[in-house]
Protein backbone atom coordinates (compact mmCIF):
# COMPACT_ATOMS: atom_id res chain seq x y z
CA MET A 1 76.00 60.44 -8.72
CA LYS A 2 78.42 63.77 -8.90
CA GLN A 3 79.72 64.74 -5.41
CA PHE A 4 79.84 68.46 -4.61
CA TYR A 5 82.53 68.42 -1.34
CA SER A 6 83.99 65.15 -2.23
CA ASP A 7 86.32 65.81 0.24
CA VAL A 8 83.54 65.57 3.05
CA GLU A 9 81.35 63.47 1.40
CA GLY A 10 83.35 60.05 1.63
CA LEU A 11 83.95 60.74 5.71
CA SER A 12 82.93 58.35 8.03
CA ARG A 13 80.39 59.27 11.00
CA GLU A 14 83.17 59.78 13.03
CA GLU A 15 85.30 61.89 10.64
CA LEU A 16 81.95 64.29 9.93
CA ARG A 17 81.47 65.17 13.51
CA ASN A 18 85.22 65.53 14.15
CA LEU A 19 84.94 68.20 11.18
CA GLN A 20 81.52 69.91 12.51
CA SER A 21 83.28 70.29 15.91
CA GLU A 22 86.50 71.77 14.47
CA ARG A 23 84.95 74.30 12.46
CA LEU A 24 82.15 74.92 14.77
CA ARG A 25 84.97 75.57 17.61
CA ALA A 26 86.49 77.64 14.90
CA LEU A 27 83.77 79.93 14.03
CA VAL A 28 82.96 79.81 17.94
CA ARG A 29 86.28 81.66 18.69
CA TYR A 30 86.28 83.97 14.92
CA VAL A 31 82.82 85.58 16.13
CA TYR A 32 83.76 85.83 19.60
CA GLU A 33 87.19 87.62 19.13
CA ARG A 34 86.21 89.47 16.47
CA MET A 35 82.28 90.74 17.20
CA PRO A 36 81.78 92.27 20.32
CA PHE A 37 77.96 91.73 19.70
CA TYR A 38 78.46 87.93 20.01
CA ARG A 39 81.37 88.36 22.93
CA GLN A 40 78.75 90.01 24.75
CA LYS A 41 75.75 87.81 24.13
CA PHE A 42 78.22 84.67 25.35
CA ASP A 43 79.45 86.64 27.95
CA SER A 44 75.97 87.73 29.47
CA LEU A 45 75.82 83.40 29.49
CA GLY A 46 79.10 82.71 30.75
CA ILE A 47 80.21 81.21 27.47
CA LYS A 48 83.82 81.14 26.77
CA PRO A 49 85.17 79.51 23.04
CA GLU A 50 86.82 77.28 25.14
CA ASP A 51 83.48 75.69 26.70
CA ILE A 52 82.46 74.65 23.13
CA LYS A 53 84.61 71.51 22.83
CA ASP A 54 81.94 68.95 20.81
CA ILE A 55 79.86 69.40 17.56
CA SER A 56 77.08 68.30 20.80
CA ASP A 57 77.77 72.22 22.57
CA ILE A 58 76.01 73.60 19.45
CA THR A 59 73.12 73.46 22.05
CA LYS A 60 74.96 75.89 24.20
CA LEU A 61 75.07 78.74 21.96
CA PRO A 62 72.28 81.29 21.66
CA PHE A 63 69.89 81.92 19.12
CA THR A 64 70.23 85.21 17.20
CA THR A 65 67.07 86.60 16.79
CA LYS A 66 65.48 88.88 14.02
CA GLN A 67 65.37 91.48 17.30
CA ASP A 68 69.11 90.92 18.06
CA ILE A 69 69.79 91.73 13.78
CA VAL A 70 67.15 94.87 14.60
CA ASP A 71 68.99 96.30 16.71
CA ASN A 72 72.38 95.72 15.83
CA TYR A 73 72.69 95.89 11.91
CA PRO A 74 74.76 96.78 10.42
CA LEU A 75 77.96 98.08 12.25
CA LYS A 76 77.52 96.04 15.36
CA LEU A 77 77.56 92.89 13.81
CA LEU A 78 80.43 93.14 11.21
CA ALA A 79 83.48 90.69 12.34
CA VAL A 80 85.73 92.98 10.34
CA PRO A 81 86.73 96.58 10.07
CA MET A 82 84.47 98.86 7.93
CA LYS A 83 87.43 99.82 5.79
CA GLU A 84 87.64 96.09 5.08
CA VAL A 85 83.61 96.16 3.70
CA VAL A 86 83.37 95.46 0.17
CA ARG A 87 78.89 95.79 0.21
CA LEU A 88 76.40 95.85 3.23
CA GLN A 89 73.15 94.82 2.10
CA SER A 90 69.87 94.60 3.91
CA SER A 91 66.07 93.70 3.04
CA SER A 92 63.63 95.77 4.50
CA GLY A 93 61.11 92.63 4.81
CA THR A 94 58.12 94.17 5.84
CA THR A 95 59.01 96.72 8.26
CA GLY A 96 59.05 99.30 5.50
CA LYS A 97 62.46 100.29 6.88
CA ASN A 98 65.33 101.34 4.09
CA ILE A 99 67.49 98.99 2.82
CA TYR A 100 71.31 100.09 3.07
CA ILE A 101 74.12 99.13 0.69
CA SER A 102 78.35 100.25 1.07
CA ASN A 103 80.05 99.50 -1.72
CA GLU A 104 83.99 99.42 -1.96
CA GLY A 105 84.34 100.24 1.42
CA SER A 106 82.79 103.17 1.62
CA THR A 107 82.34 104.44 5.88
CA SER A 108 79.31 106.59 4.45
CA LEU A 109 76.10 105.00 6.11
CA ASP A 110 74.69 108.39 6.71
CA LYS A 111 71.12 107.10 6.04
CA VAL A 112 71.19 104.31 8.54
């Protein structure tokens, strides 16, 4: 059987749990530092990145709801400055709202 992630697929349960924990901690730090939406959401619940120590702490993290995405898309959900964005794309889903696209770091989102 072919291994797609050979560096991960052979890990013991403990090694996998440690890797998952490490990656979760890094991701939580990243979004907290770079995304005001998540910083505000975490702060309102009294969650700080250092509270996430292990993969089991994932239960402390809030869900991101569809309404969160609708209310904050696209600019409030960016983790990088707009000038670094290559493309923004969205589906209208069942709401029939416009699809927004920005290419090559354009900051023109007049139709948003």
